[in-house]
Protein backbone atom coordinates (compact mmCIF):
# COMPACT_ATOMS: atom_id res chain seq x y z
CA UNK A 1 -5.19 4.59 4.47
CA UNK A 2 -2.19 6.01 2.35
CA UNK A 3 -0.83 4.89 -0.63
CA UNK A 4 2.77 2.88 -1.17
CA UNK A 5 4.82 5.43 -1.68
CA UNK A 6 3.36 7.72 1.09
CA UNK A 7 5.03 4.57 3.69
CA UNK A 8 8.09 4.62 1.84
CA UNK A 9 8.47 8.31 2.24
CA UNK A 10 8.33 7.54 5.92
CA UNK A 11 10.58 5.47 6.38
CA UNK A 12 13.95 5.99 8.24
CA UNK A 13 16.73 7.46 5.77
CA UNK A 14 18.53 4.32 5.41
CA UNK A 15 15.54 1.91 4.63
CA UNK A 16 13.91 4.66 2.03
CA UNK A 17 16.86 5.04 -0.14
CA UNK A 18 16.87 1.22 -0.69
CA UNK A 19 13.55 1.03 -1.77
CA UNK A 20 11.64 0.63 -5.48
CA UNK A 21 8.39 0.34 -6.54
CA UNK A 22 8.19 -1.63 -9.28
CA UNK A 23 4.19 -1.71 -9.33
CA UNK A 24 1.73 0.43 -7.80
CA UNK A 25 -0.69 -1.77 -6.33
CA UNK A 26 -4.27 -1.37 -6.60
CA UNK A 27 -4.99 -3.49 -3.70
CA UNK A 28 -3.26 -1.54 -1.37
CA UNK A 29 -6.45 0.26 0.10
CA UNK A 30 -7.96 -3.24 0.87
CA UNK A 31 -4.69 -5.39 1.83
CA UNK A 32 -5.39 -7.80 4.42
CA UNK A 33 -1.43 -8.37 5.35
CA UNK A 34 2.04 -6.89 4.31
CA UNK A 35 3.90 -9.82 2.89
CA UNK A 36 8.02 -10.05 2.92
CA UNK A 37 9.15 -12.39 0.34
CA UNK A 38 12.39 -13.91 1.33
CA UNK A 39 14.64 -15.26 -1.18
CA UNK A 40 18.36 -14.54 -0.25
CA UNK A 41 19.03 -12.97 2.73
CA UNK A 42 17.52 -15.89 4.66
CA UNK A 43 17.93 -14.04 7.89
CA UNK A 44 15.95 -12.15 10.47
CA UNK A 45 18.25 -9.81 11.65
CA UNK A 46 20.00 -7.16 9.54
CA UNK A 47 18.23 -7.47 6.90
CA UNK A 48 16.68 -3.99 5.38
CA UNK A 49 13.87 -5.60 3.32
CA UNK A 50 12.45 -7.49 6.39
CA UNK A 51 13.30 -4.00 8.36
CA UNK A 52 11.15 -2.37 5.33
CA UNK A 53 8.25 -4.50 5.26
CA UNK A 54 8.18 -4.62 9.20
CA UNK A 55 7.78 -0.86 9.38
CA UNK A 56 5.24 -0.76 6.32
CA UNK A 57 3.01 -3.91 8.12
CA UNK A 58 3.29 -1.68 11.80
CA UNK A 59 2.45 1.88 10.02
CA UNK A 60 -0.40 -0.23 8.13
CA UNK A 61 -1.62 -1.98 11.25
CA UNK A 62 -1.31 -4.90 9.66
CA UNK A 63 0.73 -8.32 10.24
CA UNK A 64 3.81 -9.29 8.31
CA UNK A 65 3.62 -12.66 6.38
CA UNK A 66 7.11 -13.89 5.51
CA UNK A 67 6.96 -16.12 2.62
CA UNK A 68 9.43 -18.10 1.60
CA UNK A 69 9.65 -20.23 -1.43
CA UNK A 70 11.52 -22.88 -2.87
CA UNK A 71 11.79 -24.39 -6.14
CA UNK A 72 13.37 -27.65 -8.27
CA UNK A 73 12.48 -25.19 -11.11
CA UNK A 74 16.05 -23.89 -11.74
CA UNK A 75 19.08 -24.48 -13.03
CA UNK A 76 21.08 -24.34 -9.66
CA UNK A 77 18.50 -26.50 -8.01
CA UNK A 78 20.32 -29.29 -5.81
CA UNK A 79 19.86 -31.47 -2.92
CA UNK A 80 23.57 -30.00 -1.34
CA UNK A 81 21.72 -26.44 -2.14
CA UNK A 82 17.96 -27.07 -1.13
CA UNK A 83 19.27 -28.79 2.19
CA UNK A 84 21.62 -25.28 2.81
CA UNK A 85 17.99 -23.37 2.29
CA UNK A 86 16.11 -25.89 4.57
CA UNK A 87 18.38 -25.75 6.98
CA UNK A 88 18.45 -22.30 7.45
CA UNK A 89 14.76 -22.06 6.91
CA UNK A 90 14.36 -23.97 10.25
CA UNK A 91 16.24 -21.96 12.09
CA UNK A 92 14.73 -18.21 10.64
CA UNK A 93 11.38 -20.15 11.63
CA UNK A 94 11.81 -20.12 15.12
CA UNK A 95 13.63 -16.25 15.12
CA UNK A 96 9.99 -15.29 13.19
CA UNK A 97 8.07 -17.07 16.01
CA UNK A 98 9.96 -15.64 18.73
CA UNK A 99 9.50 -12.42 17.15
CA UNK A 100 5.49 -12.76 16.91
CA UNK A 101 6.02 -12.83 12.81
CA UNK A 102 3.84 -15.85 10.44
CA UNK A 103 6.86 -17.69 8.45
CA UNK A 104 5.55 -20.23 5.76
CA UNK A 105 8.11 -22.07 4.14
CA UNK A 106 6.98 -23.59 0.73
CA UNK A 107 9.09 -26.23 -0.96
CA UNK A 108 7.19 -26.90 -4.56
CA UNK A 109 6.96 -30.21 -6.00
CA UNK A 110 7.29 -31.04 -9.79
CA UNK A 111 3.79 -31.39 -9.81
CA UNK A 112 2.76 -28.26 -7.49
CA UNK A 113 2.64 -25.49 -10.17
CA UNK A 114 0.47 -23.24 -8.23
CA UNK A 115 1.05 -19.72 -8.23
CA UNK A 116 0.87 -19.53 -4.26
CA UNK A 117 2.72 -16.56 -3.85
CA UNK A 118 0.65 -14.41 -6.63
CA UNK A 119 -2.20 -15.78 -4.70
CA UNK A 120 -0.76 -14.16 -1.54
CA UNK A 121 -0.09 -10.97 -2.99
CA UNK A 122 -3.42 -10.72 -4.35
CA UNK A 123 -4.67 -10.22 -0.39
CA UNK A 124 -1.78 -8.02 0.35
CA UNK A 125 -0.96 -4.25 0.48
CA UNK A 126 2.58 -4.90 -0.56
CA UNK A 127 4.87 -7.56 -1.14
CA UNK A 128 8.48 -6.64 0.02
CA UNK A 129 11.89 -8.52 -1.21
CA UNK A 130 15.39 -8.38 -2.02
CA UNK A 131 16.28 -6.91 -5.45
CA UNK A 132 18.94 -9.45 -6.33
CA UNK A 133 20.09 -8.49 -9.96
CA UNK A 134 20.87 -12.58 -10.95
CA UNK A 135 18.65 -15.26 -12.33
CA UNK A 136 16.44 -16.89 -10.62
CA UNK A 137 15.59 -14.02 -8.14
CA UNK A 138 15.56 -11.51 -11.55
CA UNK A 139 13.25 -13.66 -13.66
CA UNK A 140 10.67 -14.50 -10.60
CA UNK A 141 10.78 -11.13 -9.46
CA UNK A 142 9.73 -9.74 -13.32
CA UNK A 143 7.18 -12.64 -13.38
CA UNK A 144 5.77 -11.56 -9.98
CA UNK A 145 5.54 -7.56 -10.45
CA UNK A 146 3.84 -8.94 -14.51
CA UNK A 147 1.16 -10.85 -12.05
């Protein structure tokens, strides 16, 4: 199996030029899926990060899992924000089902501090996500890369 850098180089230019590998994975040889960690681009169309994840999954012959997490543990968490996210999640879940893509929304609760994305990432060839330069996304991405 090729390494992740080779997969990225084989992507169409409009996608490969948007990619950067934060941390090469030692598990890329035996991963069971590709994960797209959907954070701010909550949509199934015109989503370059999703397109990259789909292309890598196709090249690897592996399923794609879209992981979408919702947490109360950041300063911008509010009922209004969470309602907006969950309404959008309902729509993308339906769209992903029509596309044959697995989608999971994890809504964290105050007593659930398990690193679910880390556990999933440990089983994956790679995790693809948007590169959002603001918190909390930036902080979450740095933590995932460390783990």
